[in-house]
C-alpha atoms as a PDB file:
ATOM      1  CA  UNK A   1      15.495  -6.916 -15.372  1.00  0.00           C
ATOM      2  CA  UNK A   2      11.902  -6.373 -16.121  1.00  0.00           C
ATOM      3  CA  UNK A   3       9.124  -7.381 -13.514  1.00  0.00           C
ATOM      4  CA  UNK A   4       5.766  -8.807 -13.735  1.00  0.00           C
ATOM      5  CA  UNK A   5       3.222  -9.990 -11.049  1.00  0.00           C
ATOM      6  CA  UNK A   6       1.375 -13.041 -11.751  1.00  0.00           C
ATOM      7  CA  UNK A   7      -1.064 -14.902  -9.761  1.00  0.00           C
ATOM      8  CA  UNK A   8       0.790 -18.023  -8.949  1.00  0.00           C
ATOM      9  CA  UNK A   9       4.400 -19.407  -9.787  1.00  0.00           C
ATOM     10  CA  UNK A  10       4.519 -22.872  -8.545  1.00  0.00           C
ATOM     11  CA  UNK A  11       4.203 -24.338 -12.016  1.00  0.00           C
ATOM     12  CA  UNK A  12       6.937 -25.032 -14.246  1.00  0.00           C
ATOM     13  CA  UNK A  13       4.896 -23.668 -17.447  1.00  0.00           C
ATOM     14  CA  UNK A  14       3.012 -20.419 -16.910  1.00  0.00           C
ATOM     15  CA  UNK A  15       0.420 -18.841 -19.285  1.00  0.00           C
ATOM     16  CA  UNK A  16       0.085 -14.980 -19.181  1.00  0.00           C
ATOM     17  CA  UNK A  17      -3.338 -13.643 -20.489  1.00  0.00           C
ATOM     18  CA  UNK A  18      -5.304 -10.199 -20.545  1.00  0.00           C
ATOM     19  CA  UNK A  19      -3.914  -6.991 -19.442  1.00  0.00           C
ATOM     20  CA  UNK A  20      -0.619  -8.588 -18.111  1.00  0.00           C
ATOM     21  CA  UNK A  21       0.033 -10.003 -21.660  1.00  0.00           C
ATOM     22  CA  UNK A  22      -0.906  -6.811 -23.448  1.00  0.00           C
ATOM     23  CA  UNK A  23       1.395  -4.853 -21.122  1.00  0.00           C
ATOM     24  CA  UNK A  24       4.262  -7.258 -21.702  1.00  0.00           C
ATOM     25  CA  UNK A  25       3.610  -7.200 -25.724  1.00  0.00           C
ATOM     26  CA  UNK A  26       2.879  -3.674 -26.364  1.00  0.00           C
ATOM     27  CA  UNK A  27       4.230  -1.555 -23.396  1.00  0.00           C
ATOM     28  CA  UNK A  28       7.270  -3.303 -22.552  1.00  0.00           C
ATOM     29  CA  UNK A  29       7.954  -4.712 -26.019  1.00  0.00           C
ATOM     30  CA  UNK A  30       8.633  -8.153 -25.010  1.00  0.00           C
ATOM     31  CA  UNK A  31       9.967 -10.911 -27.196  1.00  0.00           C
ATOM     32  CA  UNK A  32      10.411 -14.330 -27.444  1.00  0.00           C
ATOM     33  CA  UNK A  33      13.591 -15.486 -25.239  1.00  0.00           C
ATOM     34  CA  UNK A  34      13.204 -12.564 -22.769  1.00  0.00           C
ATOM     35  CA  UNK A  35      13.734 -13.085 -19.282  1.00  0.00           C
ATOM     36  CA  UNK A  36      11.826 -11.305 -16.591  1.00  0.00           C
ATOM     37  CA  UNK A  37      11.587 -11.427 -12.598  1.00  0.00           C
ATOM     38  CA  UNK A  38       7.980 -12.735 -11.826  1.00  0.00           C
ATOM     39  CA  UNK A  39       6.355 -12.337  -8.574  1.00  0.00           C
ATOM     40  CA  UNK A  40       3.082 -13.863  -7.340  1.00  0.00           C
ATOM     41  CA  UNK A  41       0.535 -13.059  -4.486  1.00  0.00           C
ATOM     42  CA  UNK A  42       2.272 -15.230  -1.995  1.00  0.00           C
ATOM     43  CA  UNK A  43       5.467 -13.460  -2.034  1.00  0.00           C
ATOM     44  CA  UNK A  44       7.319 -15.856  -4.074  1.00  0.00           C
ATOM     45  CA  UNK A  45       9.697 -14.757  -6.859  1.00  0.00           C
ATOM     46  CA  UNK A  46      11.245 -16.600  -9.764  1.00  0.00           C
ATOM     47  CA  UNK A  47      13.018 -15.779 -13.311  1.00  0.00           C
ATOM     48  CA  UNK A  48      10.710 -16.698 -16.199  1.00  0.00           C
ATOM     49  CA  UNK A  49      11.619 -16.909 -20.104  1.00  0.00           C
ATOM     50  CA  UNK A  50       8.924 -16.068 -22.701  1.00  0.00           C
ATOM     51  CA  UNK A  51       8.538 -18.997 -25.029  1.00  0.00           C
ATOM     52  CA  UNK A  52       5.415 -18.325 -27.348  1.00  0.00           C
ATOM     53  CA  UNK A  53       3.352 -15.376 -28.353  1.00  0.00           C
ATOM     54  CA  UNK A  54      -0.249 -15.344 -29.872  1.00  0.00           C
ATOM     55  CA  UNK A  55      -3.158 -13.237 -29.894  1.00  0.00           C
ATOM     56  CA  UNK A  56      -4.663 -13.798 -26.607  1.00  0.00           C
ATOM     57  CA  UNK A  57      -1.733 -15.166 -24.253  1.00  0.00           C
ATOM     58  CA  UNK A  58       1.947 -15.432 -23.749  1.00  0.00           C
ATOM     59  CA  UNK A  59       3.569 -18.585 -22.832  1.00  0.00           C
ATOM     60  CA  UNK A  60       6.502 -18.632 -20.538  1.00  0.00           C
ATOM     61  CA  UNK A  61       8.942 -21.211 -18.563  1.00  0.00           C
ATOM     62  CA  UNK A  62       9.985 -20.949 -15.388  1.00  0.00           C
ATOM     63  CA  UNK A  63      13.912 -21.152 -15.498  1.00  0.00           C
ATOM     64  CA  UNK A  64      14.945 -19.892 -11.998  1.00  0.00           C
ATOM     65  CA  UNK A  65      14.611 -21.170  -8.585  1.00  0.00           C
ATOM     66  CA  UNK A  66      11.565 -20.099  -6.515  1.00  0.00           C
ATOM     67  CA  UNK A  67      12.341 -17.600  -3.706  1.00  0.00           C
ATOM     68  CA  UNK A  68      10.237 -16.477  -0.692  1.00  0.00           C
ATOM     69  CA  UNK A  69      10.636 -12.767  -0.204  1.00  0.00           C
ATOM     70  CA  UNK A  70      10.906 -12.156   3.791  1.00  0.00           C
ATOM     71  CA  UNK A  71       9.052  -9.100   5.280  1.00  0.00           C
ATOM     72  CA  UNK A  72      10.533  -8.040   8.594  1.00  0.00           C
ATOM     73  CA  UNK A  73       7.670  -5.652   9.547  1.00  0.00           C
ATOM     74  CA  UNK A  74       4.454  -4.379   7.828  1.00  0.00           C
ATOM     75  CA  UNK A  75       3.614  -0.545   7.248  1.00  0.00           C
ATOM     76  CA  UNK A  76      -0.007   0.110   6.943  1.00  0.00           C
ATOM     77  CA  UNK A  77      -1.400   3.238   5.617  1.00  0.00           C
ATOM     78  CA  UNK A  78      -4.975   3.951   6.734  1.00  0.00           C
ATOM     79  CA  UNK A  79      -6.153   7.267   4.828  1.00  0.00           C
ATOM     80  CA  UNK A  80      -9.399   8.743   4.972  1.00  0.00           C
ATOM     81  CA  UNK A  81     -10.788   9.481   1.299  1.00  0.00           C
ATOM     82  CA  UNK A  82     -10.215  12.711  -0.403  1.00  0.00           C
ATOM     83  CA  UNK A  83     -12.113  14.412  -2.787  1.00  0.00           C
ATOM     84  CA  UNK A  84     -11.943  13.686  -6.646  1.00  0.00           C
ATOM     85  CA  UNK A  85      -9.200  10.863  -7.545  1.00  0.00           C
ATOM     86  CA  UNK A  86      -6.406  12.004  -5.147  1.00  0.00           C
ATOM     87  CA  UNK A  87      -6.344   8.701  -3.428  1.00  0.00           C
ATOM     88  CA  UNK A  88      -5.046   7.367  -6.869  1.00  0.00           C
ATOM     89  CA  UNK A  89      -1.841   9.363  -6.275  1.00  0.00           C
ATOM     90  CA  UNK A  90      -1.792   8.084  -2.671  1.00  0.00           C
ATOM     91  CA  UNK A  91      -2.034   4.538  -3.604  1.00  0.00           C
ATOM     92  CA  UNK A  92       0.759   5.066  -6.386  1.00  0.00           C
ATOM     93  CA  UNK A  93       3.092   6.825  -4.238  1.00  0.00           C
ATOM     94  CA  UNK A  94       2.417   4.698  -1.014  1.00  0.00           C
ATOM     95  CA  UNK A  95       3.238   1.506  -3.342  1.00  0.00           C
ATOM     96  CA  UNK A  96       6.558   3.266  -4.194  1.00  0.00           C
ATOM     97  CA  UNK A  97       7.209   3.951  -0.620  1.00  0.00           C
ATOM     98  CA  UNK A  98       6.714   0.256   0.408  1.00  0.00           C
ATOM     99  CA  UNK A  99       3.461   0.433   2.200  1.00  0.00           C
ATOM    100  CA  UNK A 100       2.017  -3.060   2.807  1.00  0.00           C
ATOM    101  CA  UNK A 101      -1.687  -2.422   3.193  1.00  0.00           C
ATOM    102  CA  UNK A 102      -3.704   0.659   2.141  1.00  0.00           C
ATOM    103  CA  UNK A 103      -7.090   1.128   3.980  1.00  0.00           C
ATOM    104  CA  UNK A 104      -9.559   3.561   2.605  1.00  0.00           C
ATOM    105  CA  UNK A 105     -11.592   5.197   5.176  1.00  0.00           C
ATOM    106  CA  UNK A 106     -14.611   7.323   5.797  1.00  0.00           C
ATOM    107  CA  UNK A 107     -14.626   9.656   8.807  1.00  0.00           C
ATOM    108  CA  UNK A 108     -17.054  12.294  10.105  1.00  0.00           C
ATOM    109  CA  UNK A 109     -15.802  14.992   7.790  1.00  0.00           C
ATOM    110  CA  UNK A 110     -15.011  12.954   4.823  1.00  0.00           C
ATOM    111  CA  UNK A 111     -16.601  14.332   1.712  1.00  0.00           C
ATOM    112  CA  UNK A 112     -16.102  11.638  -0.843  1.00  0.00           C
ATOM    113  CA  UNK A 113     -18.695   8.673  -0.011  1.00  0.00           C
ATOM    114  CA  UNK A 114     -18.843   6.351  -3.003  1.00  0.00           C
ATOM    115  CA  UNK A 115     -21.992   3.977  -3.299  1.00  0.00           C
ATOM    116  CA  UNK A 116     -21.421   0.109  -3.813  1.00  0.00           C
ATOM    117  CA  UNK A 117     -20.982   0.408  -7.401  1.00  0.00           C
ATOM    118  CA  UNK A 118     -18.458   3.214  -7.603  1.00  0.00           C
ATOM    119  CA  UNK A 119     -16.765   1.550  -4.622  1.00  0.00           C
ATOM    120  CA  UNK A 120     -16.211  -1.591  -6.756  1.00  0.00           C
ATOM    121  CA  UNK A 121     -14.802   0.283  -9.597  1.00  0.00           C
ATOM    122  CA  UNK A 122     -12.479   2.180  -7.370  1.00  0.00           C
ATOM    123  CA  UNK A 123     -11.053  -0.918  -5.950  1.00  0.00           C
ATOM    124  CA  UNK A 124     -10.448  -2.335  -9.011  1.00  0.00           C
ATOM    125  CA  UNK A 125      -8.763   0.902 -10.252  1.00  0.00           C
ATOM    126  CA  UNK A 126      -6.549   1.079  -7.103  1.00  0.00           C
ATOM    127  CA  UNK A 127      -5.455  -2.438  -7.264  1.00  0.00           C
ATOM    128  CA  UNK A 128      -4.494  -1.872 -11.027  1.00  0.00           C
ATOM    129  CA  UNK A 129      -2.480   1.267 -10.132  1.00  0.00           C
ATOM    130  CA  UNK A 130      -0.604  -0.584  -6.997  1.00  0.00           C
ATOM    131  CA  UNK A 131       0.294  -3.247  -9.464  1.00  0.00           C
ATOM    132  CA  UNK A 132       1.655  -1.046 -12.053  1.00  0.00           C
ATOM    133  CA  UNK A 133       3.349   1.114  -9.486  1.00  0.00           C
ATOM    134  CA  UNK A 134       4.865  -2.060  -7.623  1.00  0.00           C
ATOM    135  CA  UNK A 135       6.239  -3.096 -11.216  1.00  0.00           C
ATOM    136  CA  UNK A 136       7.742   0.135 -12.250  1.00  0.00           C
ATOM    137  CA  UNK A 137       9.644   0.365  -8.898  1.00  0.00           C
ATOM    138  CA  UNK A 138      10.954  -3.111  -8.652  1.00  0.00           C
ATOM    139  CA  UNK A 139       9.114  -4.074  -5.767  1.00  0.00           C
ATOM    140  CA  UNK A 140       9.063  -7.996  -4.807  1.00  0.00           C
ATOM    141  CA  UNK A 141       5.322  -7.742  -3.067  1.00  0.00           C
ATOM    142  CA  UNK A 142       2.069  -6.014  -3.895  1.00  0.00           C
ATOM    143  CA  UNK A 143       0.269  -3.957  -1.258  1.00  0.00           C
ATOM    144  CA  UNK A 144      -2.966  -4.992  -0.393  1.00  0.00           C
ATOM    145  CA  UNK A 145      -6.139  -2.687  -0.903  1.00  0.00           C
ATOM    146  CA  UNK A 146      -8.619  -2.779   1.773  1.00  0.00           C
ATOM    147  CA  UNK A 147     -12.235  -2.388   1.275  1.00  0.00           C
ATOM    148  CA  UNK A 148     -13.761   0.897   1.974  1.00  0.00           C
ATOM    149  CA  UNK A 149     -14.978   1.133   5.572  1.00  0.00           C
ATOM    150  CA  UNK A 150     -15.753   3.932   8.236  1.00  0.00           C
ATOM    151  CA  UNK A 151     -13.192   4.847  10.872  1.00  0.00           C
ATOM    152  CA  UNK A 152     -15.087   3.520  13.865  1.00  0.00           C
ATOM    153  CA  UNK A 153     -15.554   0.132  12.129  1.00  0.00           C
ATOM    154  CA  UNK A 154     -11.785  -0.174  11.633  1.00  0.00           C
ATOM    155  CA  UNK A 155     -10.546   1.147  14.896  1.00  0.00           C
ATOM    156  CA  UNK A 156     -13.054  -1.540  16.380  1.00  0.00           C
ATOM    157  CA  UNK A 157     -10.977  -4.102  14.072  1.00  0.00           C
ATOM    158  CA  UNK A 158      -7.688  -3.161  15.445  1.00  0.00           C
ATOM    159  CA  UNK A 159      -8.356  -2.468  18.937  1.00  0.00           C
ATOM    160  CA  UNK A 160      -8.394  -6.264  20.140  1.00  0.00           C
ATOM    161  CA  UNK A 161      -5.075  -6.735  18.525  1.00  0.00           C
ATOM    162  CA  UNK A 162      -2.244  -6.855  21.319  1.00  0.00           C
ATOM    163  CA  UNK A 163      -0.655  -3.541  21.170  1.00  0.00           C
ATOM    164  CA  UNK A 164       2.684  -5.000  21.285  1.00  0.00           C
ATOM    165  CA  UNK A 165       1.844  -5.815  17.568  1.00  0.00           C
ATOM    166  CA  UNK A 166       1.484  -2.597  16.352  1.00  0.00           C
ATOM    167  CA  UNK A 167       2.339   1.299  16.708  1.00  0.00           C
ATOM    168  CA  UNK A 168      -0.441   3.694  15.520  1.00  0.00           C
ATOM    169  CA  UNK A 169       0.677   7.274  14.591  1.00  0.00           C
ATOM    170  CA  UNK A 170      -2.039   9.581  13.399  1.00  0.00           C
ATOM    171  CA  UNK A 171      -1.453  13.193  11.840  1.00  0.00           C
ATOM    172  CA  UNK A 172      -3.363  15.790  13.759  1.00  0.00           C
ATOM    173  CA  UNK A 173      -3.358  19.456  13.068  1.00  0.00           C
ATOM    174  CA  UNK A 174      -3.905  20.172  16.818  1.00  0.00           C
ATOM    175  CA  UNK A 175      -0.918  18.502  17.750  1.00  0.00           C
ATOM    176  CA  UNK A 176       1.865  21.303  18.685  1.00  0.00           C
ATOM    177  CA  UNK A 177       4.918  19.390  20.035  1.00  0.00           C
ATOM    178  CA  UNK A 178       5.268  15.602  19.188  1.00  0.00           C
ATOM    179  CA  UNK A 179       7.013  15.286  15.707  1.00  0.00           C
ATOM    180  CA  UNK A 180       7.198  12.360  13.746  1.00  0.00           C
ATOM    181  CA  UNK A 181      10.768  12.059  14.111  1.00  0.00           C
ATOM    182  CA  UNK A 182      10.200  11.488  17.860  1.00  0.00           C
ATOM    183  CA  UNK A 183       7.474   8.831  17.445  1.00  0.00           C
ATOM    184  CA  UNK A 184       9.507   6.993  14.858  1.00  0.00           C
ATOM    185  CA  UNK A 185      12.518   6.896  17.534  1.00  0.00           C
ATOM    186  CA  UNK A 186       9.958   5.345  20.172  1.00  0.00           C
ATOM    187  CA  UNK A 187       8.953   2.953  17.604  1.00  0.00           C
ATOM    188  CA  UNK A 188      12.466   1.820  16.810  1.00  0.00           C
ATOM    189  CA  UNK A 189      13.029   1.379  20.587  1.00  0.00           C
ATOM    190  CA  UNK A 190      10.098  -0.717  21.030  1.00  0.00           C
ATOM    191  CA  UNK A 191      10.749  -3.326  18.732  1.00  0.00           C
ATOM    192  CA  UNK A 192      11.542  -3.589  15.205  1.00  0.00           C
ATOM    193  CA  UNK A 193       9.096  -6.445  14.428  1.00  0.00           C
ATOM    194  CA  UNK A 194       6.093  -4.470  15.295  1.00  0.00           C
ATOM    195  CA  UNK A 195       3.682  -3.082  12.408  1.00  0.00           C
ATOM    196  CA  UNK A 196       3.631   0.377  11.934  1.00  0.00           C
ATOM    197  CA  UNK A 197       0.103   1.876  11.332  1.00  0.00           C
ATOM    198  CA  UNK A 198       0.057   5.573   9.709  1.00  0.00           C
ATOM    199  CA  UNK A 199      -3.660   7.187   9.975  1.00  0.00           C
ATOM    200  CA  UNK A 200      -4.475  10.132   7.820  1.00  0.00           C
ATOM    201  CA  UNK A 201      -7.457  12.200   8.135  1.00  0.00           C
ATOM    202  CA  UNK A 202      -9.748  13.906   5.728  1.00  0.00           C
ATOM    203  CA  UNK A 203      -9.591  17.475   4.308  1.00  0.00           C
ATOM    204  CA  UNK A 204     -11.490  18.921   7.218  1.00  0.00           C
ATOM    205  CA  UNK A 205      -9.300  16.819   9.843  1.00  0.00           C
ATOM    206  CA  UNK A 206     -10.722  14.623  12.453  1.00  0.00           C
ATOM    207  CA  UNK A 207     -13.373  15.336  14.690  1.00  0.00           C
ATOM    208  CA  UNK A 208     -12.773  15.850  18.400  1.00  0.00           C
ATOM    209  CA  UNK A 209     -14.892  12.582  18.927  1.00  0.00           C
ATOM    210  CA  UNK A 210     -12.792  10.552  16.541  1.00  0.00           C
ATOM    211  CA  UNK A 211      -9.418  12.033  18.067  1.00  0.00           C
ATOM    212  CA  UNK A 212     -10.392  10.674  21.535  1.00  0.00           C
ATOM    213  CA  UNK A 213     -11.551   7.367  19.896  1.00  0.00           C
ATOM    214  CA  UNK A 214      -8.278   7.093  18.136  1.00  0.00           C
ATOM    215  CA  UNK A 215      -6.271   7.821  21.165  1.00  0.00           C
ATOM    216  CA  UNK A 216      -8.237   5.129  23.240  1.00  0.00           C
ATOM    217  CA  UNK A 217      -7.089   2.625  20.488  1.00  0.00           C
ATOM    218  CA  UNK A 218      -3.468   3.392  21.069  1.00  0.00           C
ATOM    219  CA  UNK A 219      -2.876   6.255  18.792  1.00  0.00           C
ATOM    220  CA  UNK A 220      -0.065   8.578  19.100  1.00  0.00           C
ATOM    221  CA  UNK A 221      -0.711  12.097  17.614  1.00  0.00           C
ATOM    222  CA  UNK A 222       1.761  13.929  15.508  1.00  0.00           C
ATOM    223  CA  UNK A 223       2.662  17.192  14.122  1.00  0.00           C
ATOM    224  CA  UNK A 224       3.852  17.805  10.608  1.00  0.00           C
ATOM    225  CA  UNK A 225       4.926  21.337  11.196  1.00  0.00           C
ATOM    226  CA  UNK A 226       3.497  24.768  10.962  1.00  0.00           C
ATOM    227  CA  UNK A 227       1.752  24.171   7.481  1.00  0.00           C
ATOM    228  CA  UNK A 228      -1.454  22.267   7.167  1.00  0.00           C
ATOM    229  CA  UNK A 229      -0.943  19.884   4.575  1.00  0.00           C
ATOM    230  CA  UNK A 230      -3.565  18.112   2.120  1.00  0.00           C
ATOM    231  CA  UNK A 231      -4.208  14.567   2.930  1.00  0.00           C
ATOM    232  CA  UNK A 232      -2.159  13.146   0.117  1.00  0.00           C
ATOM    233  CA  UNK A 233       0.603  15.429   0.821  1.00  0.00           C
ATOM    234  CA  UNK A 234       0.473  14.252   4.712  1.00  0.00           C
ATOM    235  CA  UNK A 235       0.671  10.562   3.880  1.00  0.00           C
ATOM    236  CA  UNK A 236       3.329  10.937   1.197  1.00  0.00           C
ATOM    237  CA  UNK A 237       5.520  13.052   3.585  1.00  0.00           C
ATOM    238  CA  UNK A 238       4.924  10.684   6.572  1.00  0.00           C
ATOM    239  CA  UNK A 239       5.804   7.771   4.587  1.00  0.00           C
ATOM    240  CA  UNK A 240       9.096   9.417   3.142  1.00  0.00           C
ATOM    241  CA  UNK A 241      10.248  10.052   6.611  1.00  0.00           C
ATOM    242  CA  UNK A 242       9.600   6.240   7.581  1.00  0.00           C
ATOM    243  CA  UNK A 243      11.556   5.475   4.520  1.00  0.00           C
ATOM    244  CA  UNK A 244      14.340   7.801   5.630  1.00  0.00           C
ATOM    245  CA  UNK A 245      14.438   6.261   9.272  1.00  0.00           C
ATOM    246  CA  UNK A 246      14.254   2.696   7.996  1.00  0.00           C
ATOM    247  CA  UNK A 247      15.786   2.345   4.675  1.00  0.00           C
END
């Protein structure tokens, strides 16, 4: 069954407008009487039936009971911005691989540093990419895209949190022994209700100062093998390993 994300599903009658309506009408070739699985931003899902089409909107009727989507643990990807538009791919693949929150970061060696105008445009594009990817892969929830912030600010935000509530791993090219598999095994043993945070550095890697700061915040460094991977490849690789361990 086709899937669409809406703002709210609590009303019996629903009006779909804008890009969502155009996507249904032209890309998915939806017709009157079609039934879809709809999911809203609060994690509710229900079956809706399309009833009327006009030039600007599609009307629908909720025909299924509202269900809440349960989330046992959250996977958070904090990734330093790569050059060009490679973060688009990170958002798309992270959504497919089940990430619940994506945090774009700027670190000491980050080259991409968008101004406020470009930041707004990028956040809008990443949100759209995440939504399209979630619909394509039949996810029940949309990942949250955080605002761009510097690494130190983000570490200050998570450090006050009780360490029992999260497990932070970060990829570091100087780590030689601790593997992702070992860290995920420790994570399993520590309690499945913890949130798992994956931190990925920029093209030039983390500075020594940043590594010390991450470790103080509770981070555990891991190696991805003998090869030094690009930041987008590293993110996808770790998330694929997490899927393998917990699917």
